[in-house]
Amino acid sequence: MSAPIVFFDIAGPDEGALRAFYEKVFGWPCGQPGNFMPGNAPKLDGTIRQDPADKMLYVGVPDVTKTLELIEAEGGKIDVPRFEVPGTVVLGLFSDPAGNRKGLVELDGDEPKIP
């Protein structure tokens, strides 16, 4: 089975305009900045926030630490080792060999692991 994308994070200099765009174009509900929002698609939540233009995909995996080790072995870079956001999620951040940054979310079955 392939690893699913389980979260998105879109940033730009005008948070309000971005929120309106994604709500209008795709019908994505936009919660408060920094909070997960239930997505309409299976297993896809996200945020829209004010920051320099950026994008971030988070991929769901059964073990963040083991996946980061594999990423490093395959030429990627561990940017932030496994860490817990208490009561919310377990994450890790990496760059692929081309330098594209992505994140990992540790899953417990099909759901994000909540520490």
C-alpha atoms as a PDB file:
ATOM      1  CA  MET A   1       0.000   0.000   0.000  1.00  0.00           C
ATOM      2  CA  SER A   2       1.285   3.475  -0.791  1.00  0.00           C
ATOM      3  CA  ALA A   3       1.584   6.097   1.965  1.00  0.00           C
ATOM      4  CA  PRO A   4      -1.308   8.610   1.949  1.00  0.00           C
ATOM      5  CA  ILE A   5      -0.998  12.381   2.158  1.00  0.00           C
ATOM      6  CA  VAL A   6      -2.821  13.212   5.397  1.00  0.00           C
ATOM      7  CA  PHE A   7      -2.444  16.978   5.869  1.00  0.00           C
ATOM      8  CA  PHE A   8      -1.764  20.140   3.887  1.00  0.00           C
ATOM      9  CA  ASP A   9      -0.350  23.505   4.975  1.00  0.00           C
ATOM     10  CA  ILE A  10      -0.557  26.478   2.595  1.00  0.00           C
ATOM     11  CA  ALA A  11       1.010  29.834   3.472  1.00  0.00           C
ATOM     12  CA  GLY A  12       1.240  33.256   1.854  1.00  0.00           C
ATOM     13  CA  PRO A  13       1.472  36.934   2.759  1.00  0.00           C
ATOM     14  CA  ASP A  14      -2.332  37.488   2.809  1.00  0.00           C
ATOM     15  CA  GLU A  15      -3.988  34.825   4.931  1.00  0.00           C
ATOM     16  CA  GLY A  16      -7.507  36.212   4.462  1.00  0.00           C
ATOM     17  CA  ALA A  17      -7.272  36.147   0.676  1.00  0.00           C
ATOM     18  CA  LEU A  18      -5.905  32.591   0.733  1.00  0.00           C
ATOM     19  CA  ARG A  19      -8.650  31.413   3.065  1.00  0.00           C
ATOM     20  CA  ALA A  20     -11.328  32.975   0.844  1.00  0.00           C
ATOM     21  CA  PHE A  21      -9.763  31.500  -2.299  1.00  0.00           C
ATOM     22  CA  TYR A  22      -9.676  27.910  -1.023  1.00  0.00           C
ATOM     23  CA  GLU A  23     -13.138  28.177   0.530  1.00  0.00           C
ATOM     24  CA  LYS A  24     -14.610  29.520  -2.716  1.00  0.00           C
ATOM     25  CA  VAL A  25     -12.697  27.482  -5.283  1.00  0.00           C
ATOM     26  CA  PHE A  26     -12.622  24.105  -3.524  1.00  0.00           C
ATOM     27  CA  GLY A  27     -15.197  24.434  -0.742  1.00  0.00           C
ATOM     28  CA  TRP A  28     -12.552  23.712   1.892  1.00  0.00           C
ATOM     29  CA  PRO A  29     -13.638  24.881   5.361  1.00  0.00           C
ATOM     30  CA  CYS A  30     -10.984  27.074   6.964  1.00  0.00           C
ATOM     31  CA  GLY A  31     -10.561  26.812  10.722  1.00  0.00           C
ATOM     32  CA  GLN A  32      -8.512  29.119  12.903  1.00  0.00           C
ATOM     33  CA  PRO A  33      -4.818  29.491  11.960  1.00  0.00           C
ATOM     34  CA  GLY A  34      -2.679  26.710  13.374  1.00  0.00           C
ATOM     35  CA  ASN A  35      -5.611  24.352  13.938  1.00  0.00           C
ATOM     36  CA  PHE A  36      -6.399  21.205  11.999  1.00  0.00           C
ATOM     37  CA  MET A  37      -9.626  21.405  10.018  1.00  0.00           C
ATOM     38  CA  PRO A  38     -11.670  18.390   9.006  1.00  0.00           C
ATOM     39  CA  GLY A  39     -11.323  17.920   5.274  1.00  0.00           C
ATOM     40  CA  ASN A  40     -14.109  16.854   2.952  1.00  0.00           C
ATOM     41  CA  ALA A  41     -11.862  14.243   1.345  1.00  0.00           C
ATOM     42  CA  PRO A  42     -10.950  11.091   3.272  1.00  0.00           C
ATOM     43  CA  LYS A  43      -7.898  11.545   5.504  1.00  0.00           C
ATOM     44  CA  LEU A  44      -7.051  15.085   4.422  1.00  0.00           C
ATOM     45  CA  ASP A  45      -6.971  17.975   6.890  1.00  0.00           C
ATOM     46  CA  GLY A  46      -5.164  21.288   6.574  1.00  0.00           C
ATOM     47  CA  THR A  47      -4.490  24.870   7.538  1.00  0.00           C
ATOM     48  CA  ILE A  48      -4.179  28.204   5.770  1.00  0.00           C
ATOM     49  CA  ARG A  49      -1.971  30.753   7.501  1.00  0.00           C
ATOM     50  CA  GLN A  50      -0.154  34.052   7.045  1.00  0.00           C
ATOM     51  CA  ASP A  51       3.553  33.576   6.385  1.00  0.00           C
ATOM     52  CA  PRO A  52       5.908  33.805   3.422  1.00  0.00           C
ATOM     53  CA  ALA A  53       4.568  31.821   0.459  1.00  0.00           C
ATOM     54  CA  ASP A  54       5.149  28.141   1.128  1.00  0.00           C
ATOM     55  CA  LYS A  55       3.560  24.721   0.844  1.00  0.00           C
ATOM     56  CA  MET A  56       3.903  21.621   2.958  1.00  0.00           C
ATOM     57  CA  LEU A  57       2.571  18.095   2.501  1.00  0.00           C
ATOM     58  CA  TYR A  58       2.402  15.663   5.394  1.00  0.00           C
ATOM     59  CA  VAL A  59       2.463  11.947   4.629  1.00  0.00           C
ATOM     60  CA  GLY A  60       0.950   9.408   7.020  1.00  0.00           C
ATOM     61  CA  VAL A  61       3.305   6.612   8.086  1.00  0.00           C
ATOM     62  CA  PRO A  62       3.198   3.926  10.785  1.00  0.00           C
ATOM     63  CA  ASP A  63       6.533   4.972  12.355  1.00  0.00           C
ATOM     64  CA  VAL A  64       8.024   8.462  11.902  1.00  0.00           C
ATOM     65  CA  THR A  65      11.472   7.501  13.249  1.00  0.00           C
ATOM     66  CA  LYS A  66      11.895   4.473  10.975  1.00  0.00           C
ATOM     67  CA  THR A  67      10.640   6.433   7.973  1.00  0.00           C
ATOM     68  CA  LEU A  68      13.096   9.274   8.661  1.00  0.00           C
ATOM     69  CA  GLU A  69      15.911   6.705   8.849  1.00  0.00           C
ATOM     70  CA  LEU A  70      14.847   5.333   5.455  1.00  0.00           C
ATOM     71  CA  ILE A  71      14.620   8.853   3.994  1.00  0.00           C
ATOM     72  CA  GLU A  72      18.171   9.578   5.151  1.00  0.00           C
ATOM     73  CA  ALA A  73      19.416   6.239   3.790  1.00  0.00           C
ATOM     74  CA  GLU A  74      17.909   7.088   0.404  1.00  0.00           C
ATOM     75  CA  GLY A  75      19.599  10.499   0.165  1.00  0.00           C
ATOM     76  CA  GLY A  76      17.073  12.714   1.926  1.00  0.00           C
ATOM     77  CA  LYS A  77      17.746  14.906   4.957  1.00  0.00           C
ATOM     78  CA  ILE A  78      16.097  14.860   8.370  1.00  0.00           C
ATOM     79  CA  ASP A  79      15.130  18.468   9.093  1.00  0.00           C
ATOM     80  CA  VAL A  80      13.299  17.844  12.386  1.00  0.00           C
ATOM     81  CA  PRO A  81      13.376  14.419  14.069  1.00  0.00           C
ATOM     82  CA  ARG A  82      10.214  12.829  15.454  1.00  0.00           C
ATOM     83  CA  PHE A  83       8.434  15.085  17.915  1.00  0.00           C
ATOM     84  CA  GLU A  84       5.095  15.116  19.674  1.00  0.00           C
ATOM     85  CA  VAL A  85       2.544  17.900  19.850  1.00  0.00           C
ATOM     86  CA  PRO A  86       0.791  16.773  23.069  1.00  0.00           C
ATOM     87  CA  GLY A  87      -2.848  15.880  22.565  1.00  0.00           C
ATOM     88  CA  THR A  88      -2.616  16.560  18.828  1.00  0.00           C
ATOM     89  CA  VAL A  89      -0.145  14.683  16.622  1.00  0.00           C
ATOM     90  CA  VAL A  90       3.296  13.057  16.192  1.00  0.00           C
ATOM     91  CA  LEU A  91       5.401  14.646  13.424  1.00  0.00           C
ATOM     92  CA  GLY A  92       8.781  14.636  11.697  1.00  0.00           C
ATOM     93  CA  LEU A  93      10.094  16.900   8.922  1.00  0.00           C
ATOM     94  CA  PHE A  94      12.456  16.068   6.067  1.00  0.00           C
ATOM     95  CA  SER A  95      13.820  17.295   2.748  1.00  0.00           C
ATOM     96  CA  ASP A  96      13.929  15.061  -0.290  1.00  0.00           C
ATOM     97  CA  PRO A  97      17.151  14.817  -2.323  1.00  0.00           C
ATOM     98  CA  ALA A  98      16.076  17.865  -4.367  1.00  0.00           C
ATOM     99  CA  GLY A  99      15.542  19.927  -1.204  1.00  0.00           C
ATOM    100  CA  ASN A 100      11.716  19.869  -1.193  1.00  0.00           C
ATOM    101  CA  ARG A 101      10.496  19.955   2.414  1.00  0.00           C
ATOM    102  CA  LYS A 102       7.771  17.590   3.546  1.00  0.00           C
ATOM    103  CA  GLY A 103       6.381  16.280   6.794  1.00  0.00           C
ATOM    104  CA  LEU A 104       5.412  12.952   8.288  1.00  0.00           C
ATOM    105  CA  VAL A 105       2.438  12.214  10.542  1.00  0.00           C
ATOM    106  CA  GLU A 106       2.593   9.036  12.615  1.00  0.00           C
ATOM    107  CA  LEU A 107      -0.538   6.935  12.195  1.00  0.00           C
ATOM    108  CA  ASP A 108      -2.226   4.539  14.587  1.00  0.00           C
ATOM    109  CA  GLY A 109      -4.074   2.392  12.069  1.00  0.00           C
ATOM    110  CA  ASP A 110      -5.751   4.860   9.718  1.00  0.00           C
ATOM    111  CA  GLU A 111      -5.832   7.780  12.160  1.00  0.00           C
ATOM    112  CA  PRO A 112      -3.113  10.182  13.342  1.00  0.00           C
ATOM    113  CA  LYS A 113      -1.472   8.972  16.553  1.00  0.00           C
ATOM    114  CA  ILE A 114      -2.389  11.321  19.399  1.00  0.00           C
ATOM    115  CA  PRO A 115       0.291  11.420  22.115  1.00  0.00           C
END
